[in-house]
Amino acid sequence: MGRYILRRLLQMIPTLLAVAALIFLIFSVLPGSFAGTMTGGGRRALSPELVAQINAQFGLDKPLPVRFWDYLVRLVQFDLGTSFRTREPVMDLIAARIWPSLQLALSAMALAVTVGIPLGFLAAMRPGSLLDSVTMIGAVSGLSMPQFWLGLLLMYVFALQLGWLPSFGYGEGRLRNLILPAIALGFAPLALLARTTRAGVLEVMASDHIRTAMAKGASPSQMVRWHVLRNVMVLIVTTMGLQIGSLLGQALVIEKLFSWPGLGSLMVDSVAIRDIPVVQGTILVIVLWFLVINVLVDVIYAAIDPRISLR
């Protein structure tokens, strides 16, 4: 197990380097620059001489291969560079924003797991019932509904009309500020988990070994515990892993909508002003999060299904 985890962690290195190279090249060939987004005191564009001076200050006047090599050298030293705007190390900016993003993503996933999986399971155990119909309608709606629209709807109803919850802001990490953005971000994973769980349970229930267990007189609780759950858990864990791995990236719109000080809002603000080191750093952290979650999912596979061997 330890050798497998080490091998998978080492395999992340070329992936991260490839992502870093792709991000660097994309922002290098796009028109515009950080200096070009700056204005003088009268909201006028800076003079070409001042733009050239700023580009030289940040090394943007060097040839592309030289800049790329300098970037890779810093990257292997775990140095993500310095923000053009704040002059702070990108590592420090990310460290200040990573906990709010994790707070939001994990809360959204906790909501999806605690509601979506039981709903999907109950719907599968009563196919064709009112609960099944309502669950599937809700699942289709949740997967089709844009996150920003749901966020605006939640904000309008619970913040503006009812006044129960704040409409935006971090509020020093208070739970009341977390509820609306977590629901808006977690509704789509909730719908997907409910739909996936229902489909997986129905497939297992129709298999031969379930019919054999029922013919031998297995009680419903034994059948569910020893046959249905163990066989459907791999599918559920796969869906959970993909969703929690991508939630940091999906949170971009929600963080901006609710003024949540996470990585997503940091990246959007940095893209707008072409603060390239910050954009590169945040994307790399999001990709690293996704890769680490994939490794954890593989380890969980082996724990819940002895037939899976990690070599």
Protein backbone atom coordinates (compact mmCIF):
# COMPACT_ATOMS: atom_id res chain seq x y z
CA MET A 1 0.00 0.00 0.00
CA GLY A 2 2.76 2.44 0.94
CA ARG A 3 4.69 1.74 -2.26
CA TYR A 4 1.56 2.25 -4.33
CA ILE A 5 0.80 5.61 -2.70
CA LEU A 6 4.41 6.73 -3.17
CA ARG A 7 4.33 5.71 -6.83
CA ARG A 8 1.07 7.58 -7.43
CA LEU A 9 2.42 10.68 -5.71
CA LEU A 10 5.52 10.58 -7.91
CA GLN A 11 3.29 10.24 -10.96
CA MET A 12 1.72 13.57 -10.06
CA ILE A 13 4.95 15.42 -10.81
CA PRO A 14 4.86 15.17 -14.63
CA THR A 15 1.14 15.98 -14.59
CA LEU A 16 1.73 19.13 -12.55
CA LEU A 17 4.63 20.15 -14.76
CA ALA A 18 2.51 19.66 -17.88
CA VAL A 19 -0.30 21.75 -16.38
CA ALA A 20 2.18 24.45 -15.35
CA ALA A 21 3.64 24.55 -18.86
CA LEU A 22 0.19 24.77 -20.44
CA ILE A 23 -0.91 27.60 -18.15
CA PHE A 24 2.32 29.48 -18.73
CA LEU A 25 2.07 29.21 -22.51
CA ILE A 26 -1.60 30.22 -22.59
CA PHE A 27 -1.06 33.40 -20.60
CA SER A 28 2.11 34.16 -22.53
CA VAL A 29 0.44 34.17 -25.94
CA LEU A 30 -2.76 35.94 -24.91
CA PRO A 31 -2.82 39.65 -25.77
CA GLY A 32 -2.42 42.21 -23.00
CA SER A 33 -0.31 42.36 -19.87
CA PHE A 34 -0.48 43.35 -16.24
CA ALA A 35 0.93 46.77 -17.06
CA GLY A 36 -1.69 47.20 -19.75
CA THR A 37 -4.49 46.81 -17.18
CA MET A 38 -3.11 49.62 -15.02
CA THR A 39 -4.23 53.22 -15.38
CA GLY A 40 -2.85 56.53 -14.31
CA GLY A 41 -4.39 58.82 -11.74
CA GLY A 42 -6.84 60.19 -14.29
CA ARG A 43 -7.97 56.68 -15.36
CA ARG A 44 -5.87 57.02 -18.49
CA ALA A 45 -3.67 54.24 -19.85
CA LEU A 46 -0.04 54.34 -18.85
CA SER A 47 2.53 55.62 -21.30
CA PRO A 48 4.42 53.04 -23.41
CA GLU A 49 7.64 53.94 -21.57
CA LEU A 50 6.07 53.22 -18.17
CA VAL A 51 4.52 49.98 -19.46
CA ALA A 52 7.96 48.87 -20.70
CA GLN A 53 9.47 49.78 -17.32
CA ILE A 54 6.86 47.71 -15.45
CA ASN A 55 7.34 44.75 -17.80
CA ALA A 56 11.08 44.92 -17.20
CA GLN A 57 10.54 45.07 -13.44
CA PHE A 58 8.63 41.76 -13.50
CA GLY A 59 10.84 40.14 -16.12
CA LEU A 60 8.10 40.15 -18.76
CA ASP A 61 10.46 41.64 -21.33
CA LYS A 62 12.62 38.50 -21.42
CA PRO A 63 12.27 35.95 -24.22
CA LEU A 64 9.60 33.31 -23.68
CA PRO A 65 12.01 30.34 -23.25
CA VAL A 66 13.99 32.25 -20.61
CA ARG A 67 10.85 33.16 -18.66
CA PHE A 68 9.59 29.59 -18.86
CA TRP A 69 12.90 28.18 -17.59
CA ASP A 70 12.96 30.67 -14.70
CA TYR A 71 9.39 29.67 -13.85
CA LEU A 72 10.22 25.95 -13.80
CA VAL A 73 13.31 26.54 -11.63
CA ARG A 74 11.21 28.41 -9.08
CA LEU A 75 8.48 25.79 -9.27
CA VAL A 76 10.75 22.87 -8.38
CA GLN A 77 11.88 24.94 -5.40
CA PHE A 78 8.21 25.28 -4.32
CA ASP A 79 8.30 28.97 -5.15
CA LEU A 80 5.16 30.08 -6.99
CA GLY A 81 6.51 33.59 -7.51
CA THR A 82 5.33 37.00 -6.36
CA SER A 83 2.03 38.69 -7.06
CA PHE A 84 2.29 41.56 -9.54
CA ARG A 85 -0.43 43.47 -7.72
CA THR A 86 0.33 43.06 -4.02
CA ARG A 87 4.06 42.15 -4.24
CA GLU A 88 3.35 39.32 -1.78
CA PRO A 89 4.50 35.73 -2.28
CA VAL A 90 1.84 33.72 -4.08
CA MET A 91 2.22 30.98 -1.47
CA ASP A 92 1.13 33.41 1.24
CA LEU A 93 -1.89 34.56 -0.77
CA ILE A 94 -2.97 30.97 -1.39
CA ALA A 95 -2.40 29.99 2.24
CA ALA A 96 -4.72 32.82 3.33
CA ARG A 97 -7.45 31.67 0.93
CA ILE A 98 -7.20 27.88 1.02
CA TRP A 99 -9.12 27.33 4.27
CA PRO A 100 -12.27 29.28 3.22
CA SER A 101 -12.29 27.30 -0.05
CA LEU A 102 -11.89 23.96 1.74
CA GLN A 103 -14.54 25.00 4.23
CA LEU A 104 -17.00 25.70 1.44
CA ALA A 105 -16.13 22.62 -0.64
CA LEU A 106 -16.22 20.17 2.28
CA SER A 107 -19.49 21.64 3.60
CA ALA A 108 -21.07 21.33 0.16
CA MET A 109 -19.87 17.73 -0.13
CA ALA A 110 -21.10 16.87 3.37
CA LEU A 111 -24.55 18.14 2.38
CA ALA A 112 -24.46 16.13 -0.84
CA VAL A 113 -23.44 12.91 0.91
CA THR A 114 -25.79 13.11 3.90
CA VAL A 115 -28.84 13.93 1.76
CA GLY A 116 -28.12 12.56 -1.73
CA ILE A 117 -27.05 9.00 -0.86
CA PRO A 118 -29.96 8.22 1.52
CA LEU A 119 -32.44 9.73 -0.94
CA GLY A 120 -31.10 7.68 -3.83
CA PHE A 121 -31.09 4.53 -1.72
CA LEU A 122 -34.66 4.99 -0.49
CA ALA A 123 -35.85 5.81 -4.00
CA ALA A 124 -34.28 2.62 -5.34
CA MET A 125 -35.89 0.50 -2.63
CA ARG A 126 -39.31 1.88 -3.64
CA PRO A 127 -39.17 2.19 -7.44
CA GLY A 128 -42.16 3.92 -8.97
CA SER A 129 -43.27 5.43 -5.65
CA LEU A 130 -43.92 9.11 -4.99
CA LEU A 131 -40.55 9.38 -3.22
CA ASP A 132 -38.82 7.86 -6.25
CA SER A 133 -40.53 10.26 -8.66
CA VAL A 134 -39.84 13.34 -6.53
CA THR A 135 -36.20 12.31 -6.03
CA MET A 136 -35.58 11.81 -9.75
CA ILE A 137 -37.30 15.08 -10.67
CA GLY A 138 -35.16 16.85 -8.09
CA ALA A 139 -32.02 15.11 -9.36
CA VAL A 140 -32.64 16.11 -12.98
CA SER A 141 -33.44 19.67 -11.89
CA GLY A 142 -30.33 19.86 -9.74
CA LEU A 143 -28.08 18.70 -12.57
CA SER A 144 -29.70 21.11 -15.05
CA MET A 145 -29.88 24.20 -12.85
CA PRO A 146 -26.99 26.70 -13.18
CA GLN A 147 -25.22 27.26 -9.88
CA PHE A 148 -25.29 31.05 -10.14
CA TRP A 149 -29.07 31.00 -10.73
CA LEU A 150 -29.65 28.79 -7.70
CA GLY A 151 -27.36 31.03 -5.65
CA LEU A 152 -29.29 34.14 -6.67
CA LEU A 153 -32.57 32.40 -5.86
CA LEU A 154 -31.37 31.35 -2.40
CA MET A 155 -30.04 34.83 -1.77
CA TYR A 156 -33.33 36.44 -2.80
CA VAL A 157 -35.55 34.13 -0.71
CA PHE A 158 -33.57 33.54 2.48
CA ALA A 159 -31.56 36.76 2.69
CA LEU A 160 -33.62 39.51 1.06
CA GLN A 161 -37.20 38.31 1.60
CA LEU A 162 -37.04 36.30 4.83
CA GLY A 163 -33.90 37.86 6.30
CA TRP A 164 -32.86 34.59 7.91
CA LEU A 165 -29.32 34.42 6.54
CA PRO A 166 -26.68 36.88 5.32
CA SER A 167 -26.55 37.31 1.56
CA PHE A 168 -22.77 37.53 1.20
CA GLY A 169 -19.47 37.72 3.06
CA TYR A 170 -17.31 35.35 5.06
CA GLY A 171 -18.25 36.71 8.47
CA GLU A 172 -15.08 35.38 10.12
CA GLY A 173 -16.09 31.85 9.21
CA ARG A 174 -19.46 31.88 10.93
CA LEU A 175 -21.86 29.05 10.10
CA ARG A 176 -24.68 31.40 9.06
CA ASN A 177 -22.54 32.83 6.27
CA LEU A 178 -21.64 29.35 5.04
CA ILE A 179 -25.14 27.90 4.65
CA LEU A 180 -26.30 29.57 1.43
CA PRO A 181 -23.08 29.18 -0.59
CA ALA A 182 -22.71 25.57 0.59
CA ILE A 183 -26.26 24.73 -0.55
CA ALA A 184 -25.73 26.46 -3.90
CA LEU A 185 -22.45 24.61 -4.48
CA GLY A 186 -23.58 21.25 -3.09
CA PHE A 187 -26.95 20.94 -4.83
CA ALA A 188 -25.55 19.56 -8.10
CA PRO A 189 -23.33 16.92 -6.40
CA LEU A 190 -26.32 16.03 -4.21
CA ALA A 191 -28.47 15.45 -7.30
CA LEU A 192 -25.74 13.41 -8.99
CA LEU A 193 -25.16 11.24 -5.92
CA ALA A 194 -28.89 10.60 -5.53
CA ARG A 195 -29.21 9.58 -9.18
CA THR A 196 -26.04 7.46 -9.14
CA THR A 197 -26.98 5.71 -5.88
CA ARG A 198 -30.46 4.89 -7.17
CA ALA A 199 -29.10 3.49 -10.44
CA GLY A 200 -26.42 1.45 -8.65
CA VAL A 201 -28.82 -0.03 -6.09
CA LEU A 202 -31.35 -0.97 -8.79
CA GLU A 203 -28.62 -2.69 -10.80
CA VAL A 204 -27.40 -4.67 -7.79
CA MET A 205 -30.94 -5.60 -6.77
CA ALA A 206 -31.52 -7.10 -10.22
CA SER A 207 -28.38 -9.27 -10.11
CA ASP A 208 -28.38 -13.04 -9.70
CA HIS A 209 -26.68 -13.17 -6.30
CA ILE A 210 -29.37 -10.93 -4.80
CA ARG A 211 -32.12 -13.20 -6.10
CA THR A 212 -30.22 -16.18 -4.70
CA ALA A 213 -29.91 -14.52 -1.29
CA MET A 214 -33.63 -13.75 -1.28
CA ALA A 215 -34.44 -17.35 -2.26
CA LYS A 216 -32.34 -18.59 0.67
CA GLY A 217 -34.45 -16.51 3.04
CA ALA A 218 -32.11 -13.58 3.72
CA SER A 219 -33.86 -10.80 5.59
CA PRO A 220 -34.13 -7.37 3.95
CA SER A 221 -31.67 -5.88 6.45
CA GLN A 222 -29.11 -8.64 5.82
CA MET A 223 -29.55 -8.33 2.08
CA VAL A 224 -28.99 -4.61 2.17
CA ARG A 225 -26.04 -4.74 4.57
CA TRP A 226 -24.10 -7.65 3.12
CA HIS A 227 -24.99 -7.57 -0.55
CA VAL A 228 -26.38 -4.26 -1.78
CA LEU A 229 -24.25 -1.74 0.12
CA ARG A 230 -20.93 -3.52 -0.40
CA ASN A 231 -21.49 -3.82 -4.14
CA VAL A 232 -22.72 -0.30 -4.73
CA MET A 233 -20.14 1.47 -2.55
CA VAL A 234 -17.45 1.45 -5.25
CA LEU A 235 -19.73 3.36 -7.61
CA ILE A 236 -20.69 5.82 -4.87
CA VAL A 237 -17.09 6.39 -3.81
CA THR A 238 -16.09 7.01 -7.44
CA THR A 239 -18.79 9.66 -7.82
CA MET A 240 -17.89 11.24 -4.48
CA GLY A 241 -14.20 11.37 -5.40
CA LEU A 242 -14.81 13.03 -8.75
CA GLN A 243 -17.15 15.57 -7.22
CA ILE A 244 -15.07 16.54 -4.20
CA GLY A 245 -11.99 16.69 -6.41
CA SER A 246 -13.64 19.19 -8.73
CA LEU A 247 -15.49 21.29 -6.15
CA LEU A 248 -12.62 23.75 -5.67
CA GLY A 249 -12.79 24.55 -9.36
CA GLN A 250 -16.58 24.60 -9.44
CA ALA A 251 -16.65 27.11 -6.59
CA LEU A 252 -15.42 29.99 -8.79
CA VAL A 253 -18.87 31.38 -9.52
CA ILE A 254 -20.27 30.74 -6.04
CA GLU A 255 -17.33 32.43 -4.33
CA LYS A 256 -17.69 35.53 -6.48
CA LEU A 257 -21.47 35.59 -6.08
CA PHE A 258 -21.38 35.36 -2.28
CA SER A 259 -18.15 37.39 -1.87
CA TRP A 260 -16.46 34.34 -0.35
CA PRO A 261 -12.70 34.90 0.12
CA GLY A 262 -11.49 31.62 -1.36
CA LEU A 263 -9.18 30.47 -4.11
CA GLY A 264 -11.86 30.85 -6.75
CA SER A 265 -12.47 34.54 -6.13
CA LEU A 266 -8.71 35.10 -5.88
CA MET A 267 -8.19 33.49 -9.29
CA VAL A 268 -11.03 35.41 -10.97
CA ASP A 269 -9.73 38.73 -9.64
CA SER A 270 -6.20 37.85 -10.74
CA VAL A 271 -7.30 36.87 -14.25
CA ALA A 272 -9.04 40.23 -14.64
CA ILE A 273 -5.81 42.15 -14.03
CA ARG A 274 -3.47 39.56 -15.59
CA ASP A 275 -1.70 38.78 -12.31
CA ILE A 276 -0.19 35.69 -13.92
CA PRO A 277 1.79 34.24 -10.96
CA VAL A 278 -1.35 34.16 -8.80
CA VAL A 279 -3.43 32.57 -11.57
CA GLN A 280 -0.78 29.92 -12.18
CA GLY A 281 -0.45 29.18 -8.48
CA THR A 282 -4.18 28.83 -7.80
CA ILE A 283 -4.73 26.55 -10.79
CA LEU A 284 -1.83 24.33 -9.74
CA VAL A 285 -3.25 24.03 -6.22
CA ILE A 286 -6.68 23.08 -7.58
CA VAL A 287 -5.13 20.46 -9.90
CA LEU A 288 -3.01 19.09 -7.02
CA TRP A 289 -6.15 18.80 -4.86
CA PHE A 290 -7.88 16.81 -7.61
CA LEU A 291 -4.91 14.44 -8.03
CA VAL A 292 -4.58 13.82 -4.28
CA ILE A 293 -8.30 13.03 -4.01
CA ASN A 294 -7.94 10.50 -6.84
CA VAL A 295 -5.17 8.71 -4.92
CA LEU A 296 -7.31 8.63 -1.76
CA VAL A 297 -10.24 7.21 -3.74
CA ASP A 298 -8.04 4.38 -5.04
CA VAL A 299 -6.96 3.57 -1.48
CA ILE A 300 -10.59 3.54 -0.32
CA TYR A 301 -11.42 1.15 -3.19
CA ALA A 302 -9.03 -1.42 -1.75
CA ALA A 303 -10.46 -0.95 1.73
CA ILE A 304 -14.10 -1.54 0.76
CA ASP A 305 -13.55 -4.20 -1.92
CA PRO A 306 -10.96 -6.93 -1.21
CA ARG A 307 -11.04 -7.95 -4.90
CA ILE A 308 -9.20 -4.72 -5.80
CA SER A 309 -5.45 -5.00 -5.42
CA LEU A 310 -3.16 -2.00 -5.30
CA ARG A 311 0.18 -2.84 -6.88
